[in-house]
Amino acid sequence: MKQFTKISLVILAAALFLSSCAFNRNVLIGSWKEEASGVVLQFNVDGKAVQSSPESPGSAIEIGYQFLNDNTIHIIGTQNIYTFSVEGDTLTLTAEGQTVTLTRVR
């Protein structure tokens, strides 16, 4: 019985560690708006994102993305690699020296 308890504790500790590693990735999920242009970027859990613009209603663009690590994503099918950070309701995306700030849509 003692051995079972030790194994259970190890499995629980590993699960907690892995869930904390994925935390930063989960904060990206949801809709974000770039205030100046009105562009909305919605990140979904399935590795797809949808970009929509008020200038072209009804013509959303779906793009794939993948995490390279906990603060870097690659837009699939392009050379675009972005680092990101989330502080509260603010998402900052940076690529090639260009930074874009978006606000979470509630």
PDB file of N, CA and C in Angstrom:
ATOM      1  N   MET A   1       0.830  -1.196   0.000  1.00  0.00           N
ATOM      2  CA  MET A   1       0.000   0.000   0.000  1.00  0.00           C
ATOM      3  C   MET A   1       0.871   1.256   0.000  1.00  0.00           C
ATOM      4  N   LYS A   2       1.990   1.195   0.731  1.00  0.00           N
ATOM      5  CA  LYS A   2       2.894   2.339   0.793  1.00  0.00           C
ATOM      6  C   LYS A   2       3.469   2.666  -0.584  1.00  0.00           C
ATOM      7  N   GLN A   3       3.809   1.631  -1.340  1.00  0.00           N
ATOM      8  CA  GLN A   3       4.354   1.814  -2.689  1.00  0.00           C
ATOM      9  C   GLN A   3       3.322   2.483  -3.594  1.00  0.00           C
ATOM     10  N   PHE A   4       2.045   2.082  -3.486  1.00  0.00           N
ATOM     11  CA  PHE A   4       0.973   2.676  -4.274  1.00  0.00           C
ATOM     12  C   PHE A   4       0.844   4.164  -3.970  1.00  0.00           C
ATOM     13  N   THR A   5       0.950   4.548  -2.709  1.00  0.00           N
ATOM     14  CA  THR A   5       0.850   5.951  -2.307  1.00  0.00           C
ATOM     15  C   THR A   5       1.990   6.763  -2.904  1.00  0.00           C
ATOM     16  N   LYS A   6       3.201   6.224  -2.893  1.00  0.00           N
ATOM     17  CA  LYS A   6       4.348   6.929  -3.475  1.00  0.00           C
ATOM     18  C   LYS A   6       4.171   7.121  -4.979  1.00  0.00           C
ATOM     19  N   ILE A   7       3.727   6.088  -5.660  1.00  0.00           N
ATOM     20  CA  ILE A   7       3.514   6.173  -7.104  1.00  0.00           C
ATOM     21  C   ILE A   7       2.418   7.191  -7.407  1.00  0.00           C
ATOM     22  N   SER A   8       1.346   7.180  -6.626  1.00  0.00           N
ATOM     23  CA  SER A   8       0.257   8.144  -6.823  1.00  0.00           C
ATOM     24  C   SER A   8       0.747   9.576  -6.653  1.00  0.00           C
ATOM     25  N   LEU A   9       1.596   9.796  -5.662  1.00  0.00           N
ATOM     26  CA  LEU A   9       2.131  11.139  -5.430  1.00  0.00           C
ATOM     27  C   LEU A   9       3.026  11.591  -6.576  1.00  0.00           C
ATOM     28  N   VAL A  10       3.814  10.683  -7.115  1.00  0.00           N
ATOM     29  CA  VAL A  10       4.686  11.012  -8.247  1.00  0.00           C
ATOM     30  C   VAL A  10       3.841  11.365  -9.475  1.00  0.00           C
ATOM     31  N   ILE A  11       2.789  10.577  -9.730  1.00  0.00           N
ATOM     32  CA  ILE A  11       1.913  10.846 -10.872  1.00  0.00           C
ATOM     33  C   ILE A  11       1.208  12.189 -10.687  1.00  0.00           C
ATOM     34  N   LEU A  12       0.732  12.475  -9.486  1.00  0.00           N
ATOM     35  CA  LEU A  12       0.067  13.741  -9.207  1.00  0.00           C
ATOM     36  C   LEU A  12       1.034  14.910  -9.404  1.00  0.00           C
ATOM     37  N   ALA A  13       2.256  14.785  -8.913  1.00  0.00           N
ATOM     38  CA  ALA A  13       3.244  15.857  -9.076  1.00  0.00           C
ATOM     39  C   ALA A  13       3.559  16.090 -10.552  1.00  0.00           C
ATOM     40  N   ALA A  14       3.683  15.013 -11.324  1.00  0.00           N
ATOM     41  CA  ALA A  14       3.963  15.150 -12.762  1.00  0.00           C
ATOM     42  C   ALA A  14       2.800  15.827 -13.472  1.00  0.00           C
ATOM     43  N   ALA A  15       1.575  15.459 -13.121  1.00  0.00           N
ATOM     44  CA  ALA A  15       0.396  16.079 -13.741  1.00  0.00           C
ATOM     45  C   ALA A  15       0.333  17.563 -13.416  1.00  0.00           C
ATOM     46  N   LEU A  16       0.607  17.934 -12.183  1.00  0.00           N
ATOM     47  CA  LEU A  16       0.604  19.351 -11.807  1.00  0.00           C
ATOM     48  C   LEU A  16       1.693  20.119 -12.543  1.00  0.00           C
ATOM     49  N   PHE A  17       2.865  19.516 -12.688  1.00  0.00           N
ATOM     50  CA  PHE A  17       3.957  20.167 -13.408  1.00  0.00           C
ATOM     51  C   PHE A  17       3.585  20.386 -14.870  1.00  0.00           C
ATOM     52  N   LEU A  18       3.044  19.358 -15.517  1.00  0.00           N
ATOM     53  CA  LEU A  18       2.687  19.478 -16.931  1.00  0.00           C
ATOM     54  C   LEU A  18       1.567  20.485 -17.138  1.00  0.00           C
ATOM     55  N   SER A  19       0.602  20.542 -16.233  1.00  0.00           N
ATOM     56  CA  SER A  19      -0.475  21.516 -16.398  1.00  0.00           C
ATOM     57  C   SER A  19       0.033  22.930 -16.189  1.00  0.00           C
ATOM     58  N   SER A  20       1.019  23.119 -15.332  1.00  0.00           N
ATOM     59  CA  SER A  20       1.571  24.466 -15.155  1.00  0.00           C
ATOM     60  C   SER A  20       2.387  24.878 -16.374  1.00  0.00           C
ATOM     61  N   CYS A  21       3.003  23.937 -17.065  1.00  0.00           N
ATOM     62  CA  CYS A  21       3.756  24.262 -18.283  1.00  0.00           C
ATOM     63  C   CYS A  21       2.815  24.742 -19.381  1.00  0.00           C
ATOM     64  N   ALA A  22       1.625  24.175 -19.455  1.00  0.00           N
ATOM     65  CA  ALA A  22       0.680  24.532 -20.501  1.00  0.00           C
ATOM     66  C   ALA A  22      -0.099  25.803 -20.172  1.00  0.00           C
ATOM     67  N   PHE A  23       0.030  26.324 -18.976  1.00  0.00           N
ATOM     68  CA  PHE A  23      -0.762  27.482 -18.559  1.00  0.00           C
ATOM     69  C   PHE A  23      -0.577  28.652 -19.506  1.00  0.00           C
ATOM     70  N   ASN A  24       0.662  28.983 -19.820  1.00  0.00           N
ATOM     71  CA  ASN A  24       0.916  30.147 -20.655  1.00  0.00           C
ATOM     72  C   ASN A  24       0.258  29.990 -22.019  1.00  0.00           C
ATOM     73  N   ARG A  25       0.205  28.788 -22.515  1.00  0.00           N
ATOM     74  CA  ARG A  25      -0.436  28.550 -23.810  1.00  0.00           C
ATOM     75  C   ARG A  25      -1.938  28.777 -23.734  1.00  0.00           C
ATOM     76  N   ASN A  26      -2.547  28.395 -22.647  1.00  0.00           N
ATOM     77  CA  ASN A  26      -3.991  28.539 -22.508  1.00  0.00           C
ATOM     78  C   ASN A  26      -4.433  29.990 -22.440  1.00  0.00           C
ATOM     79  N   VAL A  27      -3.588  30.883 -21.947  1.00  0.00           N
ATOM     80  CA  VAL A  27      -3.997  32.281 -21.837  1.00  0.00           C
ATOM     81  C   VAL A  27      -4.152  32.931 -23.204  1.00  0.00           C
ATOM     82  N   LEU A  28      -3.596  32.335 -24.230  1.00  0.00           N
ATOM     83  CA  LEU A  28      -3.715  32.876 -25.583  1.00  0.00           C
ATOM     84  C   LEU A  28      -5.091  32.600 -26.194  1.00  0.00           C
ATOM     85  N   ILE A  29      -5.751  31.556 -25.736  1.00  0.00           N
ATOM     86  CA  ILE A  29      -7.038  31.139 -26.299  1.00  0.00           C
ATOM     87  C   ILE A  29      -8.096  32.206 -26.030  1.00  0.00           C
ATOM     88  N   GLY A  30      -8.819  32.581 -27.101  1.00  0.00           N
ATOM     89  CA  GLY A  30      -9.880  33.571 -27.001  1.00  0.00           C
ATOM     90  C   GLY A  30      -9.753  34.605 -28.102  1.00  0.00           C
ATOM     91  N   SER A  31     -10.552  35.658 -27.990  1.00  0.00           N
ATOM     92  CA  SER A  31     -10.580  36.713 -29.012  1.00  0.00           C
ATOM     93  C   SER A  31      -9.836  37.940 -28.526  1.00  0.00           C
ATOM     94  N   TRP A  32      -9.069  38.540 -29.437  1.00  0.00           N
ATOM     95  CA  TRP A  32      -8.236  39.706 -29.149  1.00  0.00           C
ATOM     96  C   TRP A  32      -8.438  40.740 -30.242  1.00  0.00           C
ATOM     97  N   LYS A  33      -8.514  41.997 -29.855  1.00  0.00           N
ATOM     98  CA  LYS A  33      -8.773  43.065 -30.831  1.00  0.00           C
ATOM     99  C   LYS A  33      -7.638  44.079 -30.831  1.00  0.00           C
ATOM    100  N   GLU A  34      -7.193  44.433 -32.035  1.00  0.00           N
ATOM    101  CA  GLU A  34      -6.216  45.505 -32.213  1.00  0.00           C
ATOM    102  C   GLU A  34      -7.034  46.780 -32.360  1.00  0.00           C
ATOM    103  N   GLU A  35      -6.938  47.662 -31.389  1.00  0.00           N
ATOM    104  CA  GLU A  35      -7.833  48.817 -31.305  1.00  0.00           C
ATOM    105  C   GLU A  35      -7.747  49.757 -32.514  1.00  0.00           C
ATOM    106  N   ALA A  36      -6.559  50.065 -32.997  1.00  0.00           N
ATOM    107  CA  ALA A  36      -6.403  51.037 -34.084  1.00  0.00           C
ATOM    108  C   ALA A  36      -7.075  50.574 -35.372  1.00  0.00           C
ATOM    109  N   SER A  37      -6.924  49.300 -35.709  1.00  0.00           N
ATOM    110  CA  SER A  37      -7.478  48.798 -36.971  1.00  0.00           C
ATOM    111  C   SER A  37      -8.831  48.121 -36.798  1.00  0.00           C
ATOM    112  N   GLY A  38      -9.140  47.682 -35.577  1.00  0.00           N
ATOM    113  CA  GLY A  38     -10.374  46.952 -35.340  1.00  0.00           C
ATOM    114  C   GLY A  38     -10.285  45.482 -35.691  1.00  0.00           C
ATOM    115  N   VAL A  39      -9.114  45.002 -36.120  1.00  0.00           N
ATOM    116  CA  VAL A  39      -8.922  43.598 -36.482  1.00  0.00           C
ATOM    117  C   VAL A  39      -9.063  42.748 -35.220  1.00  0.00           C
ATOM    118  N   VAL A  40      -9.822  41.654 -35.360  1.00  0.00           N
ATOM    119  CA  VAL A  40      -9.997  40.710 -34.259  1.00  0.00           C
ATOM    120  C   VAL A  40      -9.309  39.405 -34.638  1.00  0.00           C
ATOM    121  N   LEU A  41      -8.536  38.876 -33.697  1.00  0.00           N
ATOM    122  CA  LEU A  41      -7.830  37.614 -33.880  1.00  0.00           C
ATOM    123  C   LEU A  41      -8.323  36.664 -32.802  1.00  0.00           C
ATOM    124  N   GLN A  42      -8.925  35.554 -33.223  1.00  0.00           N
ATOM    125  CA  GLN A  42      -9.462  34.584 -32.276  1.00  0.00           C
ATOM    126  C   GLN A  42      -8.633  33.311 -32.329  1.00  0.00           C
ATOM    127  N   PHE A  43      -7.969  32.986 -31.212  1.00  0.00           N
ATOM    128  CA  PHE A  43      -7.181  31.758 -31.111  1.00  0.00           C
ATOM    129  C   PHE A  43      -8.070  30.665 -30.518  1.00  0.00           C
ATOM    130  N   ASN A  44      -8.128  29.522 -31.204  1.00  0.00           N
ATOM    131  CA  ASN A  44      -8.907  28.378 -30.747  1.00  0.00           C
ATOM    132  C   ASN A  44      -7.966  27.302 -30.218  1.00  0.00           C
ATOM    133  N   VAL A  45      -8.495  26.397 -29.405  1.00  0.00           N
ATOM    134  CA  VAL A  45      -7.671  25.350 -28.811  1.00  0.00           C
ATOM    135  C   VAL A  45      -7.189  24.318 -29.828  1.00  0.00           C
ATOM    136  N   ASP A  46      -7.804  24.270 -31.005  1.00  0.00           N
ATOM    137  CA  ASP A  46      -7.459  23.253 -32.003  1.00  0.00           C
ATOM    138  C   ASP A  46      -6.292  23.645 -32.909  1.00  0.00           C
ATOM    139  N   GLY A  47      -5.579  24.730 -32.559  1.00  0.00           N
ATOM    140  CA  GLY A  47      -4.457  25.146 -33.385  1.00  0.00           C
ATOM    141  C   GLY A  47      -4.850  25.994 -34.577  1.00  0.00           C
ATOM    142  N   LYS A  48      -6.063  26.460 -34.582  1.00  0.00           N
ATOM    143  CA  LYS A  48      -6.542  27.350 -35.642  1.00  0.00           C
ATOM    144  C   LYS A  48      -6.831  28.716 -35.041  1.00  0.00           C
ATOM    145  N   ALA A  49      -6.630  29.743 -35.834  1.00  0.00           N
ATOM    146  CA  ALA A  49      -6.980  31.110 -35.444  1.00  0.00           C
ATOM    147  C   ALA A  49      -7.785  31.715 -36.581  1.00  0.00           C
ATOM    148  N   VAL A  50      -8.682  32.616 -36.230  1.00  0.00           N
ATOM    149  CA  VAL A  50      -9.518  33.281 -37.225  1.00  0.00           C
ATOM    150  C   VAL A  50      -9.284  34.776 -37.107  1.00  0.00           C
ATOM    151  N   GLN A  51      -8.937  35.397 -38.227  1.00  0.00           N
ATOM    152  CA  GLN A  51      -8.716  36.842 -38.275  1.00  0.00           C
ATOM    153  C   GLN A  51      -9.866  37.485 -39.028  1.00  0.00           C
ATOM    154  N   SER A  52     -10.476  38.483 -38.404  1.00  0.00           N
ATOM    155  CA  SER A  52     -11.559  39.203 -39.073  1.00  0.00           C
ATOM    156  C   SER A  52     -11.299  40.696 -38.973  1.00  0.00           C
ATOM    157  N   SER A  53     -11.807  41.424 -39.955  1.00  0.00           N
ATOM    158  CA  SER A  53     -11.584  42.863 -40.039  1.00  0.00           C
ATOM    159  C   SER A  53     -12.908  43.582 -40.241  1.00  0.00           C
ATOM    160  N   PRO A  54     -13.100  44.732 -39.569  1.00  0.00           N
ATOM    161  CA  PRO A  54     -14.340  45.487 -39.792  1.00  0.00           C
ATOM    162  C   PRO A  54     -14.434  46.042 -41.214  1.00  0.00           C
ATOM    163  N   GLU A  55     -13.296  46.139 -41.908  1.00  0.00           N
ATOM    164  CA  GLU A  55     -13.288  46.626 -43.290  1.00  0.00           C
ATOM    165  C   GLU A  55     -13.844  45.595 -44.264  1.00  0.00           C
ATOM    166  N   SER A  56     -13.804  44.322 -43.874  1.00  0.00           N
ATOM    167  CA  SER A  56     -14.292  43.238 -44.740  1.00  0.00           C
ATOM    168  C   SER A  56     -15.197  42.309 -43.947  1.00  0.00           C
ATOM    169  N   PRO A  57     -16.379  42.787 -43.548  1.00  0.00           N
ATOM    170  CA  PRO A  57     -17.280  41.920 -42.775  1.00  0.00           C
ATOM    171  C   PRO A  57     -17.635  40.658 -43.547  1.00  0.00           C
ATOM    172  N   GLY A  58     -17.660  39.545 -42.843  1.00  0.00           N
ATOM    173  CA  GLY A  58     -18.028  38.281 -43.472  1.00  0.00           C
ATOM    174  C   GLY A  58     -16.907  37.596 -44.222  1.00  0.00           C
ATOM    175  N   SER A  59     -15.715  38.165 -44.207  1.00  0.00           N
ATOM    176  CA  SER A  59     -14.603  37.534 -44.929  1.00  0.00           C
ATOM    177  C   SER A  59     -13.453  37.225 -43.977  1.00  0.00           C
ATOM    178  N   ALA A  60     -13.735  36.421 -42.982  1.00  0.00           N
ATOM    179  CA  ALA A  60     -12.718  36.030 -42.010  1.00  0.00           C
ATOM    180  C   ALA A  60     -11.705  35.083 -42.652  1.00  0.00           C
ATOM    181  N   ILE A  61     -10.486  35.152 -42.161  1.00  0.00           N
ATOM    182  CA  ILE A  61      -9.400  34.307 -42.665  1.00  0.00           C
ATOM    183  C   ILE A  61      -9.020  33.331 -41.563  1.00  0.00           C
ATOM    184  N   GLU A  62      -9.000  32.029 -41.897  1.00  0.00           N
ATOM    185  CA  GLU A  62      -8.573  31.027 -40.926  1.00  0.00           C
ATOM    186  C   GLU A  62      -7.106  30.701 -41.167  1.00  0.00           C
ATOM    187  N   ILE A  63      -6.339  30.693 -40.095  1.00  0.00           N
ATOM    188  CA  ILE A  63      -4.918  30.366 -40.183  1.00  0.00           C
ATOM    189  C   ILE A  63      -4.590  29.325 -39.117  1.00  0.00           C
ATOM    190  N   GLY A  64      -3.601  28.521 -39.394  1.00  0.00           N
ATOM    191  CA  GLY A  64      -3.137  27.550 -38.409  1.00  0.00           C
ATOM    192  C   GLY A  64      -1.952  28.117 -37.649  1.00  0.00           C
ATOM    193  N   TYR A  65      -1.821  27.683 -36.416  1.00  0.00           N
ATOM    194  CA  TYR A  65      -0.658  28.091 -35.625  1.00  0.00           C
ATOM    195  C   TYR A  65      -0.219  26.921 -34.755  1.00  0.00           C
ATOM    196  N   GLN A  66       1.040  26.961 -34.373  1.00  0.00           N
ATOM    197  CA  GLN A  66       1.550  25.953 -33.454  1.00  0.00           C
ATOM    198  C   GLN A  66       2.517  26.615 -32.491  1.00  0.00           C
ATOM    199  N   PHE A  67       2.583  26.076 -31.293  1.00  0.00           N
ATOM    200  CA  PHE A  67       3.504  26.591 -30.283  1.00  0.00           C
ATOM    201  C   PHE A  67       4.884  26.005 -30.510  1.00  0.00           C
ATOM    202  N   LEU A  68       5.892  26.871 -30.505  1.00  0.00           N
ATOM    203  CA  LEU A  68       7.269  26.403 -30.551  1.00  0.00           C
ATOM    204  C   LEU A  68       7.794  26.234 -29.138  1.00  0.00           C
ATOM    205  N   ASN A  69       7.299  27.056 -28.226  1.00  0.00           N
ATOM    206  CA  ASN A  69       7.544  26.928 -26.796  1.00  0.00           C
ATOM    207  C   ASN A  69       6.440  27.709 -26.094  1.00  0.00           C
ATOM    208  N   ASP A  70       6.580  27.975 -24.813  1.00  0.00           N
ATOM    209  CA  ASP A  70       5.482  28.585 -24.068  1.00  0.00           C
ATOM    210  C   ASP A  70       5.236  30.049 -24.383  1.00  0.00           C
ATOM    211  N   ASN A  71       6.092  30.694 -25.154  1.00  0.00           N
ATOM    212  CA  ASN A  71       5.822  32.093 -25.508  1.00  0.00           C
ATOM    213  C   ASN A  71       6.150  32.408 -26.957  1.00  0.00           C
ATOM    214  N   THR A  72       6.176  31.377 -27.798  1.00  0.00           N
ATOM    215  CA  THR A  72       6.470  31.575 -29.217  1.00  0.00           C
ATOM    216  C   THR A  72       5.530  30.720 -30.053  1.00  0.00           C
ATOM    217  N   ILE A  73       4.916  31.361 -31.072  1.00  0.00           N
ATOM    218  CA  ILE A  73       4.058  30.619 -31.992  1.00  0.00           C
ATOM    219  C   ILE A  73       4.544  30.804 -33.421  1.00  0.00           C
ATOM    220  N   HIS A  74       4.253  29.812 -34.235  1.00  0.00           N
ATOM    221  CA  HIS A  74       4.573  29.856 -35.663  1.00  0.00           C
ATOM    222  C   HIS A  74       3.249  29.821 -36.414  1.00  0.00           C
ATOM    223  N   ILE A  75       3.075  30.748 -37.345  1.00  0.00           N
ATOM    224  CA  ILE A  75       1.888  30.736 -38.203  1.00  0.00           C
ATOM    225  C   ILE A  75       2.173  29.737 -39.322  1.00  0.00           C
ATOM    226  N   ILE A  76       1.417  28.666 -39.351  1.00  0.00           N
ATOM    227  CA  ILE A  76       1.663  27.561 -40.276  1.00  0.00           C
ATOM    228  C   ILE A  76       1.492  28.023 -41.725  1.00  0.00           C
ATOM    229  N   GLY A  77       2.413  27.589 -42.558  1.00  0.00           N
ATOM    230  CA  GLY A  77       2.372  27.946 -43.974  1.00  0.00           C
ATOM    231  C   GLY A  77       3.099  29.238 -44.283  1.00  0.00           C
ATOM    232  N   THR A  78       3.684  29.847 -43.271  1.00  0.00           N
ATOM    233  CA  THR A  78       4.439  31.092 -43.463  1.00  0.00           C
ATOM    234  C   THR A  78       5.766  30.983 -42.722  1.00  0.00           C
ATOM    235  N   GLN A  79       6.566  31.992 -42.867  1.00  0.00           N
ATOM    236  CA  GLN A  79       7.813  32.097 -42.105  1.00  0.00           C
ATOM    237  C   GLN A  79       7.599  32.859 -40.802  1.00  0.00           C
ATOM    238  N   ASN A  80       6.358  33.285 -40.541  1.00  0.00           N
ATOM    239  CA  ASN A  80       6.069  34.154 -39.405  1.00  0.00           C
ATOM    240  C   ASN A  80       6.164  33.423 -38.070  1.00  0.00           C
ATOM    241  N   ILE A  81       7.056  33.915 -37.214  1.00  0.00           N
ATOM    242  CA  ILE A  81       7.222  33.413 -35.858  1.00  0.00           C
ATOM    243  C   ILE A  81       7.056  34.594 -34.924  1.00  0.00           C
ATOM    244  N   TYR A  82       6.150  34.451 -33.962  1.00  0.00           N
ATOM    245  CA  TYR A  82       5.833  35.535 -33.036  1.00  0.00           C
ATOM    246  C   TYR A  82       6.126  35.115 -31.608  1.00  0.00           C
ATOM    247  N   THR A  83       6.732  36.014 -30.857  1.00  0.00           N
ATOM    248  CA  THR A  83       6.766  35.833 -29.419  1.00  0.00           C
ATOM    249  C   THR A  83       5.544  36.552 -28.878  1.00  0.00           C
ATOM    250  N   PHE A  84       5.012  36.059 -27.777  1.00  0.00           N
ATOM    251  CA  PHE A  84       3.835  36.695 -27.211  1.00  0.00           C
ATOM    252  C   PHE A  84       3.933  36.732 -25.698  1.00  0.00           C
ATOM    253  N   SER A  85       3.238  37.712 -25.146  1.00  0.00           N
ATOM    254  CA  SER A  85       3.082  37.785 -23.697  1.00  0.00           C
ATOM    255  C   SER A  85       1.682  38.284 -23.409  1.00  0.00           C
ATOM    256  N   VAL A  86       1.124  37.799 -22.322  1.00  0.00           N
ATOM    257  CA  VAL A  86      -0.213  38.208 -21.898  1.00  0.00           C
ATOM    258  C   VAL A  86      -0.095  38.735 -20.476  1.00  0.00           C
ATOM    259  N   GLU A  87      -0.565  39.963 -20.303  1.00  0.00           N
ATOM    260  CA  GLU A  87      -0.637  40.562 -18.981  1.00  0.00           C
ATOM    261  C   GLU A  87      -2.058  41.065 -18.799  1.00  0.00           C
ATOM    262  N   GLY A  88      -2.813  40.394 -17.952  1.00  0.00           N
ATOM    263  CA  GLY A  88      -4.213  40.752 -17.765  1.00  0.00           C
ATOM    264  C   GLY A  88      -4.975  40.553 -19.057  1.00  0.00           C
ATOM    265  N   ASP A  89      -5.573  41.617 -19.571  1.00  0.00           N
ATOM    266  CA  ASP A  89      -6.341  41.553 -20.815  1.00  0.00           C
ATOM    267  C   ASP A  89      -5.578  42.108 -22.006  1.00  0.00           C
ATOM    268  N   THR A  90      -4.252  42.145 -21.914  1.00  0.00           N
ATOM    269  CA  THR A  90      -3.425  42.683 -22.991  1.00  0.00           C
ATOM    270  C   THR A  90      -2.509  41.599 -23.550  1.00  0.00           C
ATOM    271  N   LEU A  91      -2.583  41.405 -24.864  1.00  0.00           N
ATOM    272  CA  LEU A  91      -1.722  40.466 -25.581  1.00  0.00           C
ATOM    273  C   LEU A  91      -0.747  41.268 -26.423  1.00  0.00           C
ATOM    274  N   THR A  92       0.525  40.969 -26.276  1.00  0.00           N
ATOM    275  CA  THR A  92       1.559  41.618 -27.080  1.00  0.00           C
ATOM    276  C   THR A  92       2.194  40.564 -27.979  1.00  0.00           C
ATOM    277  N   LEU A  93       2.151  40.804 -29.295  1.00  0.00           N
ATOM    278  CA  LEU A  93       2.775  39.935 -30.290  1.00  0.00           C
ATOM    279  C   LEU A  93       3.948  40.682 -30.907  1.00  0.00           C
ATOM    280  N   THR A  94       5.087  40.009 -31.013  1.00  0.00           N
ATOM    281  CA  THR A  94       6.273  40.641 -31.588  1.00  0.00           C
ATOM    282  C   THR A  94       6.893  39.711 -32.621  1.00  0.00           C
ATOM    283  N   ALA A  95       7.207  40.277 -33.799  1.00  0.00           N
ATOM    284  CA  ALA A  95       7.898  39.540 -34.861  1.00  0.00           C
ATOM    285  C   ALA A  95       8.747  40.516 -35.639  1.00  0.00           C
ATOM    286  N   GLU A  96       9.988  40.147 -35.867  1.00  0.00           N
ATOM    287  CA  GLU A  96      10.914  40.938 -36.673  1.00  0.00           C
ATOM    288  C   GLU A  96      10.943  42.403 -36.251  1.00  0.00           C
ATOM    289  N   GLY A  97      10.974  42.650 -34.958  1.00  0.00           N
ATOM    290  CA  GLY A  97      11.077  44.011 -34.452  1.00  0.00           C
ATOM    291  C   GLY A  97       9.785  44.803 -34.437  1.00  0.00           C
ATOM    292  N   GLN A  98       8.701  44.228 -34.940  1.00  0.00           N
ATOM    293  CA  GLN A  98       7.395  44.888 -34.960  1.00  0.00           C
ATOM    294  C   GLN A  98       6.542  44.327 -33.827  1.00  0.00           C
ATOM    295  N   THR A  99       5.925  45.214 -33.062  1.00  0.00           N
ATOM    296  CA  THR A  99       5.087  44.803 -31.952  1.00  0.00           C
ATOM    297  C   THR A  99       3.654  45.264 -32.159  1.00  0.00           C
ATOM    298  N   VAL A 100       2.712  44.374 -31.886  1.00  0.00           N
ATOM    299  CA  VAL A 100       1.289  44.669 -31.971  1.00  0.00           C
ATOM    300  C   VAL A 100       0.680  44.356 -30.621  1.00  0.00           C
ATOM    301  N   THR A 101      -0.151  45.278 -30.137  1.00  0.00           N
ATOM    302  CA  THR A 101      -0.829  45.095 -28.855  1.00  0.00           C
ATOM    303  C   THR A 101      -2.321  44.920 -29.100  1.00  0.00           C
ATOM    304  N   LEU A 102      -2.879  43.885 -28.518  1.00  0.00           N
ATOM    305  CA  LEU A 102      -4.306  43.594 -28.660  1.00  0.00           C
ATOM    306  C   LEU A 102      -4.934  43.503 -27.274  1.00  0.00           C
ATOM    307  N   THR A 103      -6.246  43.736 -27.220  1.00  0.00           N
ATOM    308  CA  THR A 103      -6.997  43.684 -25.974  1.00  0.00           C
ATOM    309  C   THR A 103      -8.000  42.551 -26.054  1.00  0.00           C
ATOM    310  N   ARG A 104      -8.118  41.807 -24.954  1.00  0.00           N
ATOM    311  CA  ARG A 104      -9.061  40.674 -24.927  1.00  0.00           C
ATOM    312  C   ARG A 104     -10.487  41.183 -25.134  1.00  0.00           C
ATOM    313  N   VAL A 105     -11.229  40.476 -25.993  1.00  0.00           N
ATOM    314  CA  VAL A 105     -12.630  40.804 -26.249  1.00  0.00           C
ATOM    315  C   VAL A 105     -13.456  40.017 -25.243  1.00  0.00           C
ATOM    316  N   ARG A 106     -14.281  40.714 -24.507  1.00  0.00           N
ATOM    317  CA  ARG A 106     -15.135  40.053 -23.494  1.00  0.00           C
ATOM    318  C   ARG A 106     -16.540  39.968 -23.969  1.00  0.00           C
TER     319      ARG A 106
END
